[in-house]
Amino acid sequence: MRVLFIGDMVTPDAIDMAARCIRMIKKETEVDLVIANGENIHTQNGLNLKQYEKLKSIGVDVVTLGNHAWNQAQIYHFIDENEDIVRPFNFPPDTPGRGWTVTEAKHRQLAVVVAMGNVYMSTLTSPFQDIMQVVDDLKAQGIKTIIVEMHAEATSEKVAMGRYLDGKVSAVLGTHTHIPTADTQILPGGTAYQTDLGMVGPEASVLGMKIESSINRFITQRHVRYQQSEDSHFLFQGVLLDIDNDGKAAAIERIERKLEIERTDV
């Protein structure tokens, strides 16, 4: 099974960029399933219904969310009825939506789990506390292919999760920091790993945001509202995973494309 996992998508125009790159990649190689982090697509972060429907129309099979999951109030009206949207599993038990989902590709079941870190990030229950139980429950259902997205700020927390789950899941892939890391690898137990997948967003930016506003926040040490960059040169970053029938990773390849797009909805 070959899975394309796309890093944090930033700005509404990231959908157009993703559409073009998904088509390009599918012409180059077989892709059985596409997963994308979609929580930064809205200009105010988060995801609305129209944007979710656009993601589905371009071939994204599973949409993941992180710390911006609830930025758009509209999400409460459609997250429960769409099983292909996954928010962090370590939110409190009565939180809307689901922390993992099970889908099918190439006649095999595949589970996608999202965990959110604590370090510099959130006060949620530590993902380390219950992640192994989630994995064990999925395996008890006969699911061998499990991909865990670790949405976290600290690289140490992401690396620790990768090592903790090595041999237990097919892949542990980090998101949130928007910069692809150079540690793409298969860990000793057969788990594919990368600390951060990067982003789909404007190249001339600070993590997808306008350069000037980002710099001003550091210079003034005051709250300066971030604004999404309007640069038309976009980056598309993520990984391609090959996963064996037994759920072990056979290969992981970092993907990056650079294209110019016509900005439409910043």
Protein backbone atom coordinates (compact mmCIF):
# COMPACT_ATOMS: atom_id res chain seq x y z
CA MET A 1 0.00 0.00 0.00
CA ARG A 2 1.29 3.46 -0.90
CA VAL A 3 0.12 6.43 1.17
CA LEU A 4 0.69 10.12 0.50
CA PHE A 5 0.66 12.16 3.72
CA ILE A 6 0.62 15.92 3.16
CA GLY A 7 1.95 18.40 5.75
CA ASP A 8 0.03 21.32 7.27
CA MET A 9 -1.95 23.14 4.55
CA VAL A 10 -1.78 26.92 5.01
CA THR A 11 -4.17 29.41 3.31
CA PRO A 12 -7.23 28.52 1.21
CA ASP A 13 -5.06 28.46 -1.93
CA ALA A 14 -3.18 25.48 -0.52
CA ILE A 15 -6.10 23.39 -1.78
CA ASP A 16 -5.37 24.36 -5.38
CA MET A 17 -1.68 23.66 -4.88
CA ALA A 18 -2.47 20.27 -3.37
CA ALA A 19 -4.85 19.43 -6.21
CA ARG A 20 -2.14 20.07 -8.80
CA CYS A 21 0.52 18.14 -6.89
CA ILE A 22 -1.71 15.17 -6.13
CA ARG A 23 -2.44 14.88 -9.85
CA MET A 24 1.28 15.13 -10.66
CA ILE A 25 2.28 12.52 -8.10
CA LYS A 26 -0.46 10.12 -9.16
CA LYS A 27 0.83 10.34 -12.74
CA GLU A 28 4.33 9.50 -11.53
CA THR A 29 3.49 6.66 -9.14
CA GLU A 30 0.64 4.64 -7.69
CA VAL A 31 -1.05 6.24 -4.66
CA ASP A 32 -3.68 4.28 -2.76
CA LEU A 33 -4.62 6.78 -0.05
CA VAL A 34 -4.12 10.52 0.57
CA ILE A 35 -4.04 12.06 4.06
CA ALA A 36 -3.64 15.79 4.72
CA ASN A 37 -3.50 18.05 7.75
CA GLY A 38 -6.12 20.70 7.02
CA GLU A 39 -6.33 22.79 10.19
CA ASN A 40 -4.61 25.91 8.83
CA ILE A 41 -6.52 26.30 5.57
CA HIS A 42 -8.93 29.02 6.68
CA THR A 43 -7.51 32.56 6.73
CA GLN A 44 -8.23 32.59 10.47
CA ASN A 45 -6.98 29.00 10.88
CA GLY A 46 -9.26 26.02 11.21
CA LEU A 47 -11.43 24.48 8.51
CA ASN A 48 -14.92 25.26 7.26
CA LEU A 49 -17.38 23.02 5.44
CA LYS A 50 -16.70 24.41 1.96
CA GLN A 51 -12.96 23.88 2.38
CA TYR A 52 -13.47 20.35 3.69
CA GLU A 53 -15.65 19.52 0.68
CA LYS A 54 -12.97 20.94 -1.65
CA LEU A 55 -10.36 18.73 -0.02
CA LYS A 56 -12.51 15.69 -0.64
CA SER A 57 -13.11 16.72 -4.25
CA ILE A 58 -9.36 16.88 -5.02
CA GLY A 59 -8.73 13.38 -3.71
CA VAL A 60 -7.90 13.76 -0.03
CA ASP A 61 -9.25 10.67 1.74
CA VAL A 62 -8.59 11.61 5.40
CA VAL A 63 -8.34 15.13 6.85
CA THR A 64 -6.50 15.63 10.13
CA LEU A 65 -6.72 18.49 12.64
CA GLY A 66 -4.62 19.71 15.56
CA ASN A 67 -4.54 22.66 17.94
CA HIS A 68 -6.61 24.83 15.54
CA ALA A 69 -9.36 22.23 15.25
CA TRP A 70 -12.01 24.51 16.78
CA ASN A 71 -11.01 27.89 15.31
CA GLN A 72 -13.98 27.82 12.93
CA ALA A 73 -17.23 27.36 14.84
CA GLN A 74 -18.74 25.77 11.75
CA ILE A 75 -16.64 22.63 12.42
CA TYR A 76 -19.05 21.64 15.20
CA HIS A 77 -21.82 21.25 12.61
CA PHE A 78 -20.07 18.71 10.41
CA ILE A 79 -17.23 16.98 12.25
CA ASP A 80 -19.41 14.29 13.86
CA GLU A 81 -21.05 13.17 10.63
CA ASN A 82 -17.80 12.84 8.64
CA GLU A 83 -15.73 9.91 9.78
CA ASP A 84 -12.81 10.92 7.56
CA ILE A 85 -12.02 13.95 9.78
CA VAL A 86 -9.69 13.17 12.69
CA ARG A 87 -8.89 15.54 15.57
CA PRO A 88 -6.40 14.74 18.38
CA PHE A 89 -7.47 11.67 20.35
CA ASN A 90 -6.33 13.10 23.70
CA PHE A 91 -9.01 15.78 23.88
CA PRO A 92 -11.51 15.10 26.71
CA PRO A 93 -13.88 12.15 26.14
CA ASP A 94 -16.97 14.28 25.35
CA THR A 95 -15.20 16.30 22.62
CA PRO A 96 -16.98 16.30 19.23
CA GLY A 97 -15.49 14.24 16.44
CA ARG A 98 -13.08 11.33 16.70
CA GLY A 99 -9.43 10.86 17.54
CA TRP A 100 -8.90 8.08 15.02
CA THR A 101 -10.65 6.64 12.03
CA VAL A 102 -10.50 3.41 10.07
CA THR A 103 -10.64 3.52 6.30
CA GLU A 104 -9.88 1.09 3.48
CA ALA A 105 -7.36 1.14 0.67
CA LYS A 106 -6.20 -1.62 -1.64
CA HIS A 107 -8.61 -4.05 0.09
CA ARG A 108 -6.92 -3.41 3.44
CA GLN A 109 -8.04 -1.56 6.52
CA LEU A 110 -5.92 1.37 7.64
CA ALA A 111 -6.25 3.43 10.82
CA VAL A 112 -5.25 7.08 11.15
CA VAL A 113 -4.70 8.37 14.70
CA VAL A 114 -3.91 11.97 15.68
CA ALA A 115 -2.10 12.76 18.94
CA MET A 116 -1.36 16.26 20.24
CA GLY A 117 1.73 17.02 22.28
CA ASN A 118 2.02 18.91 25.56
CA VAL A 119 5.42 20.64 25.49
CA TYR A 120 4.93 24.38 24.67
CA MET A 121 1.62 23.30 23.14
CA SER A 122 -1.35 22.20 25.24
CA THR A 123 -2.64 21.10 28.62
CA LEU A 124 -4.35 18.03 27.23
CA THR A 125 -3.79 14.63 28.75
CA SER A 126 -0.38 13.43 27.68
CA PRO A 127 -0.70 11.40 24.47
CA PHE A 128 1.77 8.90 25.92
CA GLN A 129 -0.73 7.99 28.63
CA ASP A 130 -3.30 6.33 26.36
CA ILE A 131 -1.82 5.96 22.87
CA MET A 132 -0.74 2.37 23.44
CA GLN A 133 -4.27 1.41 24.47
CA VAL A 134 -5.63 3.00 21.28
CA VAL A 135 -3.12 1.03 19.21
CA ASP A 136 -3.89 -2.22 21.05
CA ASP A 137 -7.63 -1.74 20.55
CA LEU A 138 -7.13 -1.18 16.81
CA LYS A 139 -4.97 -4.27 16.53
CA ALA A 140 -7.61 -6.27 18.41
CA GLN A 141 -9.95 -5.38 15.54
CA GLY A 142 -7.48 -6.97 13.13
CA ILE A 143 -6.08 -3.67 11.84
CA LYS A 144 -2.38 -4.00 11.05
CA THR A 145 -1.74 -0.73 9.24
CA ILE A 146 -1.79 2.20 11.67
CA ILE A 147 -0.49 5.71 10.95
CA VAL A 148 -0.04 8.10 13.89
CA GLU A 149 0.23 11.84 13.32
CA MET A 150 2.04 13.52 16.21
CA HIS A 151 0.92 17.16 16.19
CA ALA A 152 3.44 18.81 18.49
CA GLU A 153 5.83 21.72 18.96
CA ALA A 154 8.81 20.04 20.59
CA THR A 155 11.00 17.81 18.44
CA SER A 156 11.95 15.80 21.52
CA GLU A 157 8.32 14.89 22.17
CA LYS A 158 7.84 13.80 18.55
CA VAL A 159 11.03 11.73 18.50
CA ALA A 160 10.07 10.11 21.80
CA MET A 161 6.66 9.15 20.40
CA GLY A 162 8.28 7.62 17.34
CA ARG A 163 10.59 5.53 19.49
CA TYR A 164 7.77 4.61 21.89
CA LEU A 165 5.60 3.28 19.07
CA ASP A 166 8.39 1.75 16.97
CA GLY A 167 7.33 -1.72 15.90
CA LYS A 168 3.76 -1.08 17.12
CA VAL A 169 2.51 1.10 14.23
CA SER A 170 3.30 1.60 10.56
CA ALA A 171 4.34 5.25 10.81
CA VAL A 172 4.70 8.15 13.23
CA LEU A 173 4.72 11.47 11.37
CA GLY A 174 5.07 14.90 12.95
CA THR A 175 3.14 18.02 12.03
CA HIS A 176 2.57 21.57 13.34
CA THR A 177 5.99 23.23 12.94
CA HIS A 178 5.67 23.54 9.13
CA ILE A 179 9.37 22.90 8.40
CA PRO A 180 10.31 19.49 6.95
CA THR A 181 12.98 17.73 8.95
CA ALA A 182 15.95 15.78 7.59
CA ASP A 183 15.37 12.64 9.66
CA THR A 184 13.19 10.66 7.24
CA GLN A 185 13.80 7.04 8.21
CA ILE A 186 12.49 3.62 9.08
CA LEU A 187 13.11 2.90 12.75
CA PRO A 188 14.57 -0.48 13.87
CA GLY A 189 11.15 -2.00 14.58
CA GLY A 190 9.77 -1.18 11.13
CA THR A 191 7.99 2.11 11.81
CA ALA A 192 8.42 4.95 9.29
CA TYR A 193 9.25 8.25 10.93
CA GLN A 194 9.79 11.95 10.23
CA THR A 195 9.76 14.65 12.91
CA ASP A 196 7.89 17.15 10.73
CA LEU A 197 6.31 16.83 7.29
CA GLY A 198 6.49 20.54 6.43
CA MET A 199 3.61 22.44 4.85
CA VAL A 200 1.66 23.35 1.76
CA GLY A 201 1.91 27.12 1.76
CA PRO A 202 3.56 30.31 0.51
CA GLU A 203 7.34 30.03 0.15
CA ALA A 204 8.10 33.69 0.99
CA SER A 205 6.68 33.54 4.50
CA VAL A 206 7.35 32.62 8.09
CA LEU A 207 5.61 29.27 8.41
CA GLY A 208 3.01 30.49 5.91
CA MET A 209 2.49 33.87 7.60
CA LYS A 210 3.44 37.35 6.33
CA ILE A 211 7.12 37.99 6.97
CA GLU A 212 6.65 41.56 8.26
CA SER A 213 4.04 40.74 10.90
CA SER A 214 6.04 37.76 12.11
CA ILE A 215 9.24 39.82 12.47
CA ASN A 216 7.36 42.65 14.22
CA ARG A 217 6.13 40.25 16.88
CA PHE A 218 9.72 39.37 17.75
CA ILE A 219 11.00 42.97 17.53
CA THR A 220 8.26 44.56 19.64
CA GLN A 221 7.67 41.62 22.01
CA ARG A 222 3.99 42.53 21.78
CA HIS A 223 1.04 40.68 20.34
CA VAL A 224 1.00 41.26 16.59
CA ARG A 225 -1.75 39.54 14.65
CA TYR A 226 -0.39 37.00 12.22
CA GLN A 227 -1.61 37.26 8.63
CA GLN A 228 -1.23 34.63 5.95
CA SER A 229 1.36 35.42 3.29
CA GLU A 230 0.14 36.48 -0.15
CA ASP A 231 3.16 35.12 -2.01
CA SER A 232 2.15 33.18 -5.13
CA HIS A 233 5.11 30.79 -5.02
CA PHE A 234 3.95 27.75 -3.08
CA LEU A 235 5.64 24.78 -1.47
CA PHE A 236 4.05 21.34 -1.35
CA GLN A 237 5.65 19.05 1.24
CA GLY A 238 4.90 15.63 2.67
CA VAL A 239 5.93 11.99 2.43
CA LEU A 240 5.15 8.88 0.43
CA LEU A 241 4.89 5.71 2.51
CA ASP A 242 5.07 2.11 1.31
CA ILE A 243 3.50 -0.25 3.85
CA ASP A 244 3.66 -4.05 3.68
CA ASN A 245 0.69 -6.35 4.23
CA ASP A 246 1.86 -6.97 7.80
CA GLY A 247 1.74 -3.25 8.60
CA LYS A 248 5.50 -2.67 8.54
CA ALA A 249 6.93 0.28 6.63
CA ALA A 250 8.87 -0.77 3.53
CA ALA A 251 9.88 2.74 2.44
CA ILE A 252 9.41 6.42 3.23
CA GLU A 253 10.28 9.21 0.79
CA ARG A 254 10.15 12.94 1.45
CA ILE A 255 8.19 14.84 -1.21
CA GLU A 256 8.59 18.50 -2.16
CA ARG A 257 7.24 20.47 -5.11
CA LYS A 258 7.45 24.19 -5.90
CA LEU A 259 4.84 25.84 -8.11
CA GLU A 260 3.47 29.28 -8.81
CA ILE A 261 -0.27 29.61 -8.38
CA GLU A 262 -2.85 32.34 -8.97
CA ARG A 263 -3.91 33.63 -5.58
CA THR A 264 -7.68 33.73 -5.23
CA ASP A 265 -8.88 33.73 -1.64
CA VAL A 266 -6.34 35.04 0.87
